[in-house]
Amino acid sequence: MRRVVVLELKDGTQDISVYSSSVKLVLANQQKIGIGLGALWNALSKTNGNFENKKCRIYYKYIDK
């Protein structure tokens, strides 16, 4: 099984984006998500792969490959 990182923006558009890594997600969206890479890694590791703030929701999703 393979894991991807999902970003759901809470800016009214309800945009959902899928990335192959947290690094790619942060590089593409740092201003939109309100969290840096190190803090995101820490948050995802401590909360079973789920992070949420007032700007977005980020979580791991397992996919078949």
C-alpha atoms as a PDB file:
ATOM      1  CA  MET A   1       0.000   0.000   0.000  1.00  0.00           C
ATOM      2  CA  ARG A   2       1.101   3.515  -0.768  1.00  0.00           C
ATOM      3  CA  ARG A   3       0.355   6.713   1.124  1.00  0.00           C
ATOM      4  CA  VAL A   4      -0.425  10.183  -0.238  1.00  0.00           C
ATOM      5  CA  VAL A   5      -0.980  13.499   1.531  1.00  0.00           C
ATOM      6  CA  VAL A   6      -4.345  15.207   1.057  1.00  0.00           C
ATOM      7  CA  LEU A   7      -4.920  18.942   1.475  1.00  0.00           C
ATOM      8  CA  GLU A   8      -8.436  20.325   1.963  1.00  0.00           C
ATOM      9  CA  LEU A   9      -8.573  24.134   1.966  1.00  0.00           C
ATOM     10  CA  LYS A  10     -11.162  25.896   4.132  1.00  0.00           C
ATOM     11  CA  ASP A  11     -11.205  29.136   2.121  1.00  0.00           C
ATOM     12  CA  GLY A  12     -14.730  28.639   0.848  1.00  0.00           C
ATOM     13  CA  THR A  13     -13.651  26.855  -2.326  1.00  0.00           C
ATOM     14  CA  GLN A  14     -13.408  23.429  -0.661  1.00  0.00           C
ATOM     15  CA  ASP A  15     -10.469  22.618  -2.956  1.00  0.00           C
ATOM     16  CA  ILE A  16      -8.924  19.191  -2.392  1.00  0.00           C
ATOM     17  CA  SER A  17      -5.397  18.472  -3.627  1.00  0.00           C
ATOM     18  CA  VAL A  18      -3.352  15.277  -3.400  1.00  0.00           C
ATOM     19  CA  TYR A  19       0.444  15.213  -3.113  1.00  0.00           C
ATOM     20  CA  SER A  20       2.958  12.397  -3.078  1.00  0.00           C
ATOM     21  CA  SER A  21       4.817  13.920  -0.102  1.00  0.00           C
ATOM     22  CA  SER A  22       4.488  16.519   2.632  1.00  0.00           C
ATOM     23  CA  VAL A  23       7.437  18.395   1.152  1.00  0.00           C
ATOM     24  CA  LYS A  24       5.647  18.884  -2.183  1.00  0.00           C
ATOM     25  CA  LEU A  25       2.466  19.973  -0.394  1.00  0.00           C
ATOM     26  CA  VAL A  26       4.271  22.614   1.675  1.00  0.00           C
ATOM     27  CA  LEU A  27       6.344  23.912  -1.248  1.00  0.00           C
ATOM     28  CA  ALA A  28       3.204  24.438  -3.317  1.00  0.00           C
ATOM     29  CA  ASN A  29       0.988  25.875  -0.561  1.00  0.00           C
ATOM     30  CA  GLN A  30       2.997  27.353   2.315  1.00  0.00           C
ATOM     31  CA  GLN A  31       1.162  30.702   2.350  1.00  0.00           C
ATOM     32  CA  LYS A  32      -2.264  29.025   2.116  1.00  0.00           C
ATOM     33  CA  ILE A  33      -1.848  26.437   4.888  1.00  0.00           C
ATOM     34  CA  GLY A  34      -0.283  28.480   7.699  1.00  0.00           C
ATOM     35  CA  ILE A  35       2.249  25.858   8.818  1.00  0.00           C
ATOM     36  CA  GLY A  36       5.844  25.061   7.918  1.00  0.00           C
ATOM     37  CA  LEU A  37       7.274  21.709   6.941  1.00  0.00           C
ATOM     38  CA  GLY A  38       8.886  20.817  10.276  1.00  0.00           C
ATOM     39  CA  ALA A  39       5.779  21.721  12.242  1.00  0.00           C
ATOM     40  CA  LEU A  40       3.587  19.771   9.809  1.00  0.00           C
ATOM     41  CA  TRP A  41       5.750  16.656  10.100  1.00  0.00           C
ATOM     42  CA  ASN A  42       5.577  16.940  13.882  1.00  0.00           C
ATOM     43  CA  ALA A  43       1.802  17.438  13.886  1.00  0.00           C
ATOM     44  CA  LEU A  44       1.154  14.529  11.501  1.00  0.00           C
ATOM     45  CA  SER A  45       3.366  12.184  13.511  1.00  0.00           C
ATOM     46  CA  LYS A  46       1.677  13.019  16.821  1.00  0.00           C
ATOM     47  CA  THR A  47      -1.926  12.853  15.573  1.00  0.00           C
ATOM     48  CA  ASN A  48      -2.003   9.655  13.509  1.00  0.00           C
ATOM     49  CA  GLY A  49      -1.553  11.528  10.238  1.00  0.00           C
ATOM     50  CA  ASN A  50      -4.163  14.263  10.728  1.00  0.00           C
ATOM     51  CA  PHE A  51      -3.653  18.021  11.022  1.00  0.00           C
ATOM     52  CA  GLU A  52      -6.279  20.744  11.041  1.00  0.00           C
ATOM     53  CA  ASN A  53      -6.279  24.491  11.595  1.00  0.00           C
ATOM     54  CA  LYS A  54      -8.598  27.311  10.548  1.00  0.00           C
ATOM     55  CA  LYS A  55      -7.081  27.427   7.035  1.00  0.00           C
ATOM     56  CA  CYS A  56      -6.927  23.755   6.067  1.00  0.00           C
ATOM     57  CA  ARG A  57      -7.075  20.069   6.885  1.00  0.00           C
ATOM     58  CA  ILE A  58      -4.131  17.833   5.963  1.00  0.00           C
ATOM     59  CA  TYR A  59      -4.123  14.066   6.325  1.00  0.00           C
ATOM     60  CA  TYR A  60      -2.571  10.868   5.008  1.00  0.00           C
ATOM     61  CA  LYS A  61      -4.623   8.586   2.784  1.00  0.00           C
ATOM     62  CA  TYR A  62      -3.631   5.081   1.788  1.00  0.00           C
ATOM     63  CA  ILE A  63      -4.111   4.068  -1.819  1.00  0.00           C
ATOM     64  CA  ASP A  64      -3.678   0.771  -3.613  1.00  0.00           C
ATOM     65  CA  LYS A  65      -0.830   0.469  -6.067  1.00  0.00           C
END
